[in-house]
Amino acid sequence: MLSLGSIFPTFKKTAVVSLEKGKEFHDITSEDHKNADKWMVMFWWPKDFTFVCPTEIAAFNAKYDDFSDRDAVLVGASTDSEFVHLAWRNNHDDLRGLKFPMLADTSKSLAEELGILEANEKIAYRVTYIVDPQGVIRWVCANDLSVGRNVDEVLRVLDALQTDELCPCNWKQGEETLNV
């Protein structure tokens, strides 16, 4: 698995960005967040039309403004196609109003380069990356297929990374950092 300190791979993928006819799809690239001088939080899920995945996607969407306030671009991704993403968004109440793109890695090339494909089905594990504006991976968290992640923890880590200081265990935004 590609990890801390590595440069996030270069990519250009189609994503679902809207439910409006004719405006559903847009290409997302690895340069988008860098060109905007923003952090990127990319989170992967195994499959559309499943059970744990929509709870995570809805939780990230509920915190979208919190990521945006931290100058972070939020991107959701799986190895399903953009057409499956669109169908799922149209058929799931919690996904219709998503504010972030659902990236389609149908070739599985990005997931493979990241090293996050499950061996048997070749679906992505539940992996979250925080990437700084220079494209460097600063945090990775991987969950087993059956366990959802904690969006508040992703925000907490993003806050800590953005202080560029030493943050103690369980540190939260607004608390003192370590002075050494």
C-alpha atoms as a PDB file:
ATOM      1  CA  MET A   1       0.000   0.000   0.000  1.00  0.00           C
ATOM      2  CA  LEU A   2       1.334   3.412  -0.957  1.00  0.00           C
ATOM      3  CA  SER A   3       1.993   5.215   2.302  1.00  0.00           C
ATOM      4  CA  LEU A   4       3.242   8.278   4.139  1.00  0.00           C
ATOM      5  CA  GLY A   5       5.674  10.548   2.368  1.00  0.00           C
ATOM      6  CA  SER A   6       4.915   9.095  -1.052  1.00  0.00           C
ATOM      7  CA  ILE A   7       3.690  11.258  -3.882  1.00  0.00           C
ATOM      8  CA  PHE A   8       0.045  10.506  -4.646  1.00  0.00           C
ATOM      9  CA  PRO A   9      -0.163   8.930  -8.130  1.00  0.00           C
ATOM     10  CA  THR A  10      -1.011  10.985 -11.174  1.00  0.00           C
ATOM     11  CA  PHE A  11      -4.531  10.254 -12.415  1.00  0.00           C
ATOM     12  CA  LYS A  12      -7.340  11.472 -14.633  1.00  0.00           C
ATOM     13  CA  LYS A  13     -10.673   9.757 -13.997  1.00  0.00           C
ATOM     14  CA  THR A  14     -14.332  10.374 -14.744  1.00  0.00           C
ATOM     15  CA  ALA A  15     -16.489  11.219 -11.755  1.00  0.00           C
ATOM     16  CA  VAL A  16     -20.177  11.742 -11.093  1.00  0.00           C
ATOM     17  CA  VAL A  17     -20.605  15.347  -9.984  1.00  0.00           C
ATOM     18  CA  SER A  18     -24.300  16.047 -10.543  1.00  0.00           C
ATOM     19  CA  LEU A  19     -27.681  14.488 -11.155  1.00  0.00           C
ATOM     20  CA  GLU A  20     -28.598  17.203 -13.664  1.00  0.00           C
ATOM     21  CA  LYS A  21     -29.062  15.744 -17.143  1.00  0.00           C
ATOM     22  CA  GLY A  22     -26.079  16.550 -19.342  1.00  0.00           C
ATOM     23  CA  LYS A  23     -23.937  17.638 -16.377  1.00  0.00           C
ATOM     24  CA  GLU A  24     -23.551  14.326 -14.571  1.00  0.00           C
ATOM     25  CA  PHE A  25     -19.896  13.634 -15.384  1.00  0.00           C
ATOM     26  CA  HIS A  26     -16.640  15.530 -15.095  1.00  0.00           C
ATOM     27  CA  ASP A  27     -12.985  14.511 -15.284  1.00  0.00           C
ATOM     28  CA  ILE A  28     -11.066  14.752 -12.004  1.00  0.00           C
ATOM     29  CA  THR A  29      -7.260  14.837 -11.992  1.00  0.00           C
ATOM     30  CA  SER A  30      -4.475  14.572  -9.456  1.00  0.00           C
ATOM     31  CA  GLU A  31      -3.546  18.157 -10.291  1.00  0.00           C
ATOM     32  CA  ASP A  32      -6.916  19.716  -9.429  1.00  0.00           C
ATOM     33  CA  HIS A  33      -6.269  20.132  -5.701  1.00  0.00           C
ATOM     34  CA  LYS A  34      -2.640  21.186  -6.256  1.00  0.00           C
ATOM     35  CA  ASN A  35      -3.657  23.865  -8.771  1.00  0.00           C
ATOM     36  CA  ALA A  36      -6.137  25.181  -6.212  1.00  0.00           C
ATOM     37  CA  ASP A  37      -3.468  25.018  -3.452  1.00  0.00           C
ATOM     38  CA  LYS A  38      -5.729  22.750  -1.395  1.00  0.00           C
ATOM     39  CA  TRP A  39      -5.436  19.526   0.536  1.00  0.00           C
ATOM     40  CA  MET A  40      -7.163  16.437  -0.865  1.00  0.00           C
ATOM     41  CA  VAL A  41      -9.045  13.863   1.162  1.00  0.00           C
ATOM     42  CA  MET A  42      -9.778  10.825  -0.994  1.00  0.00           C
ATOM     43  CA  PHE A  43     -11.732   7.979   0.507  1.00  0.00           C
ATOM     44  CA  TRP A  44     -12.343   4.632  -1.164  1.00  0.00           C
ATOM     45  CA  TRP A  45     -15.185   2.162  -0.709  1.00  0.00           C
ATOM     46  CA  PRO A  46     -15.504  -1.402  -2.048  1.00  0.00           C
ATOM     47  CA  LYS A  47     -18.773  -1.466  -4.004  1.00  0.00           C
ATOM     48  CA  ASP A  48     -21.799   0.618  -4.845  1.00  0.00           C
ATOM     49  CA  PHE A  49     -25.253  -0.704  -3.868  1.00  0.00           C
ATOM     50  CA  THR A  50     -23.957  -2.187  -0.617  1.00  0.00           C
ATOM     51  CA  PHE A  51     -24.677  -1.527   3.047  1.00  0.00           C
ATOM     52  CA  VAL A  52     -21.751   0.040   4.944  1.00  0.00           C
ATOM     53  CA  CYS A  53     -20.609   2.221   2.019  1.00  0.00           C
ATOM     54  CA  PRO A  54     -23.616   4.579   1.865  1.00  0.00           C
ATOM     55  CA  THR A  55     -23.362   5.254   5.611  1.00  0.00           C
ATOM     56  CA  GLU A  56     -19.788   6.449   5.116  1.00  0.00           C
ATOM     57  CA  ILE A  57     -20.533   8.459   1.985  1.00  0.00           C
ATOM     58  CA  ALA A  58     -23.468  10.185   3.705  1.00  0.00           C
ATOM     59  CA  ALA A  59     -21.296  10.918   6.758  1.00  0.00           C
ATOM     60  CA  PHE A  60     -18.594  12.521   4.601  1.00  0.00           C
ATOM     61  CA  ASN A  61     -21.266  14.529   2.799  1.00  0.00           C
ATOM     62  CA  ALA A  62     -22.690  15.763   6.112  1.00  0.00           C
ATOM     63  CA  LYS A  63     -19.206  17.106   6.949  1.00  0.00           C
ATOM     64  CA  TYR A  64     -18.477  18.475   3.458  1.00  0.00           C
ATOM     65  CA  ASP A  65     -18.474  22.102   4.643  1.00  0.00           C
ATOM     66  CA  ASP A  66     -16.032  21.196   7.431  1.00  0.00           C
ATOM     67  CA  PHE A  67     -13.577  19.848   4.846  1.00  0.00           C
ATOM     68  CA  SER A  68     -14.138  22.850   2.596  1.00  0.00           C
ATOM     69  CA  ASP A  69     -13.523  25.229   5.530  1.00  0.00           C
ATOM     70  CA  ARG A  70     -10.135  23.512   5.954  1.00  0.00           C
ATOM     71  CA  ASP A  71      -9.175  24.105   2.306  1.00  0.00           C
ATOM     72  CA  ALA A  72      -9.590  20.418   1.547  1.00  0.00           C
ATOM     73  CA  VAL A  73     -11.077  18.902  -1.587  1.00  0.00           C
ATOM     74  CA  LEU A  74     -13.146  15.814  -0.803  1.00  0.00           C
ATOM     75  CA  VAL A  75     -13.207  12.976  -3.356  1.00  0.00           C
ATOM     76  CA  GLY A  76     -14.998   9.652  -2.976  1.00  0.00           C
ATOM     77  CA  ALA A  77     -13.836   6.713  -5.103  1.00  0.00           C
ATOM     78  CA  SER A  78     -14.427   3.091  -5.962  1.00  0.00           C
ATOM     79  CA  THR A  79     -13.710   0.724  -8.828  1.00  0.00           C
ATOM     80  CA  ASP A  80     -17.334   0.875 -10.002  1.00  0.00           C
ATOM     81  CA  SER A  81     -18.137   2.778 -13.200  1.00  0.00           C
ATOM     82  CA  GLU A  82     -19.473   6.316 -13.372  1.00  0.00           C
ATOM     83  CA  PHE A  83     -22.754   4.849 -14.659  1.00  0.00           C
ATOM     84  CA  VAL A  84     -23.113   2.602 -11.609  1.00  0.00           C
ATOM     85  CA  HIS A  85     -22.280   5.607  -9.377  1.00  0.00           C
ATOM     86  CA  LEU A  86     -24.966   7.663 -11.121  1.00  0.00           C
ATOM     87  CA  ALA A  87     -27.572   4.911 -10.824  1.00  0.00           C
ATOM     88  CA  TRP A  88     -26.757   4.490  -7.133  1.00  0.00           C
ATOM     89  CA  ARG A  89     -27.031   8.231  -6.488  1.00  0.00           C
ATOM     90  CA  ASN A  90     -30.377   8.314  -8.289  1.00  0.00           C
ATOM     91  CA  ASN A  91     -31.681   5.342  -6.284  1.00  0.00           C
ATOM     92  CA  HIS A  92     -30.428   6.099  -2.759  1.00  0.00           C
ATOM     93  CA  ASP A  93     -31.976   8.946  -0.766  1.00  0.00           C
ATOM     94  CA  ASP A  94     -28.764   9.657   1.186  1.00  0.00           C
ATOM     95  CA  LEU A  95     -26.673   9.997  -1.988  1.00  0.00           C
ATOM     96  CA  ARG A  96     -28.785  12.274  -4.182  1.00  0.00           C
ATOM     97  CA  GLY A  97     -27.468  15.511  -2.679  1.00  0.00           C
ATOM     98  CA  LEU A  98     -23.752  14.712  -2.629  1.00  0.00           C
ATOM     99  CA  LYS A  99     -21.503  17.767  -2.722  1.00  0.00           C
ATOM    100  CA  PHE A 100     -18.331  15.924  -3.746  1.00  0.00           C
ATOM    101  CA  PRO A 101     -17.418  13.834  -6.802  1.00  0.00           C
ATOM    102  CA  MET A 102     -17.730  10.047  -6.940  1.00  0.00           C
ATOM    103  CA  LEU A 103     -14.621   9.021  -8.872  1.00  0.00           C
ATOM    104  CA  ALA A 104     -14.842   5.923 -11.097  1.00  0.00           C
ATOM    105  CA  ASP A 105     -11.659   3.860 -11.297  1.00  0.00           C
ATOM    106  CA  THR A 106     -13.089   1.311 -13.727  1.00  0.00           C
ATOM    107  CA  SER A 107      -9.649   0.263 -14.979  1.00  0.00           C
ATOM    108  CA  LYS A 108      -8.618  -0.211 -11.327  1.00  0.00           C
ATOM    109  CA  SER A 109      -5.318   1.405 -12.292  1.00  0.00           C
ATOM    110  CA  LEU A 110      -5.338   4.019  -9.526  1.00  0.00           C
ATOM    111  CA  ALA A 111      -6.432   1.540  -6.844  1.00  0.00           C
ATOM    112  CA  GLU A 112      -3.754  -0.856  -8.063  1.00  0.00           C
ATOM    113  CA  GLU A 113      -1.055   1.831  -8.006  1.00  0.00           C
ATOM    114  CA  LEU A 114      -2.138   2.751  -4.482  1.00  0.00           C
ATOM    115  CA  GLY A 115      -1.953  -0.936  -3.529  1.00  0.00           C
ATOM    116  CA  ILE A 116      -5.460  -1.010  -2.035  1.00  0.00           C
ATOM    117  CA  LEU A 117      -7.140  -3.794  -4.026  1.00  0.00           C
ATOM    118  CA  GLU A 118      -8.507  -6.772  -2.147  1.00  0.00           C
ATOM    119  CA  ALA A 119      -6.849  -9.927  -3.527  1.00  0.00           C
ATOM    120  CA  ASN A 120      -9.872 -12.022  -4.526  1.00  0.00           C
ATOM    121  CA  GLU A 121     -12.500  -9.649  -5.913  1.00  0.00           C
ATOM    122  CA  LYS A 122     -10.086  -6.835  -6.851  1.00  0.00           C
ATOM    123  CA  ILE A 123     -12.253  -4.236  -5.122  1.00  0.00           C
ATOM    124  CA  ALA A 124     -10.839  -1.374  -3.092  1.00  0.00           C
ATOM    125  CA  TYR A 125     -10.472  -1.621   0.663  1.00  0.00           C
ATOM    126  CA  ARG A 126     -11.944   1.206   2.772  1.00  0.00           C
ATOM    127  CA  VAL A 127      -8.881   3.427   2.585  1.00  0.00           C
ATOM    128  CA  THR A 128      -8.662   7.151   3.286  1.00  0.00           C
ATOM    129  CA  TYR A 129      -5.802   9.370   2.136  1.00  0.00           C
ATOM    130  CA  ILE A 130      -4.995  12.904   3.224  1.00  0.00           C
ATOM    131  CA  VAL A 131      -2.756  14.509   0.604  1.00  0.00           C
ATOM    132  CA  ASP A 132      -1.139  17.923   1.086  1.00  0.00           C
ATOM    133  CA  PRO A 133      -1.192  20.690  -1.559  1.00  0.00           C
ATOM    134  CA  GLN A 134       2.173  19.477  -2.913  1.00  0.00           C
ATOM    135  CA  GLY A 135       0.742  15.997  -3.588  1.00  0.00           C
ATOM    136  CA  VAL A 136       2.478  14.247  -0.669  1.00  0.00           C
ATOM    137  CA  ILE A 137       0.522  11.588   1.229  1.00  0.00           C
ATOM    138  CA  ARG A 138       0.414  12.749   4.845  1.00  0.00           C
ATOM    139  CA  TRP A 139      -2.041  10.205   6.324  1.00  0.00           C
ATOM    140  CA  VAL A 140      -3.443   6.817   5.351  1.00  0.00           C
ATOM    141  CA  CYS A 141      -6.082   4.809   7.163  1.00  0.00           C
ATOM    142  CA  ALA A 142      -7.282   1.408   5.960  1.00  0.00           C
ATOM    143  CA  ASN A 143     -10.308  -0.430   7.280  1.00  0.00           C
ATOM    144  CA  ASP A 144     -11.416  -3.991   6.666  1.00  0.00           C
ATOM    145  CA  LEU A 145     -14.282  -4.363   4.203  1.00  0.00           C
ATOM    146  CA  SER A 146     -16.838  -4.852   6.983  1.00  0.00           C
ATOM    147  CA  VAL A 147     -15.905  -1.834   9.152  1.00  0.00           C
ATOM    148  CA  GLY A 148     -16.902   1.752   8.416  1.00  0.00           C
ATOM    149  CA  ARG A 149     -14.553   4.605   9.154  1.00  0.00           C
ATOM    150  CA  ASN A 150     -14.845   7.629  11.463  1.00  0.00           C
ATOM    151  CA  VAL A 151     -15.232  10.905   9.540  1.00  0.00           C
ATOM    152  CA  ASP A 152     -14.606  12.998  12.663  1.00  0.00           C
ATOM    153  CA  GLU A 153     -11.225  11.279  13.037  1.00  0.00           C
ATOM    154  CA  VAL A 154     -10.332  12.183   9.450  1.00  0.00           C
ATOM    155  CA  LEU A 155     -11.152  15.827  10.240  1.00  0.00           C
ATOM    156  CA  ARG A 156      -9.162  15.669  13.497  1.00  0.00           C
ATOM    157  CA  VAL A 157      -6.084  14.359  11.686  1.00  0.00           C
ATOM    158  CA  LEU A 158      -6.466  16.954   8.924  1.00  0.00           C
ATOM    159  CA  ASP A 159      -6.600  19.672  11.586  1.00  0.00           C
ATOM    160  CA  ALA A 160      -3.479  18.294  13.263  1.00  0.00           C
ATOM    161  CA  LEU A 161      -1.552  18.054   9.992  1.00  0.00           C
ATOM    162  CA  GLN A 162      -2.480  21.598   9.084  1.00  0.00           C
ATOM    163  CA  THR A 163      -1.028  22.969  12.344  1.00  0.00           C
ATOM    164  CA  ASP A 164       2.401  21.805  11.143  1.00  0.00           C
ATOM    165  CA  GLU A 165       3.223  21.318  14.827  1.00  0.00           C
ATOM    166  CA  LEU A 166       3.545  18.411  17.256  1.00  0.00           C
ATOM    167  CA  CYS A 167       0.080  17.272  18.365  1.00  0.00           C
ATOM    168  CA  PRO A 168      -0.321  14.948  21.359  1.00  0.00           C
ATOM    169  CA  CYS A 169      -2.558  11.892  21.579  1.00  0.00           C
ATOM    170  CA  ASN A 170      -6.274  12.720  21.178  1.00  0.00           C
ATOM    171  CA  TRP A 171      -5.443  16.325  20.262  1.00  0.00           C
ATOM    172  CA  LYS A 172      -8.372  18.325  18.896  1.00  0.00           C
ATOM    173  CA  GLN A 173      -8.521  21.618  17.060  1.00  0.00           C
ATOM    174  CA  GLY A 174      -8.174  24.535  19.466  1.00  0.00           C
ATOM    175  CA  GLU A 175      -6.115  22.605  22.012  1.00  0.00           C
ATOM    176  CA  GLU A 176      -2.479  23.331  22.756  1.00  0.00           C
ATOM    177  CA  THR A 177       0.176  21.684  20.645  1.00  0.00           C
ATOM    178  CA  LEU A 178       3.433  20.449  22.168  1.00  0.00           C
ATOM    179  CA  ASN A 179       6.275  22.896  22.725  1.00  0.00           C
ATOM    180  CA  VAL A 180       9.683  21.216  22.885  1.00  0.00           C
END
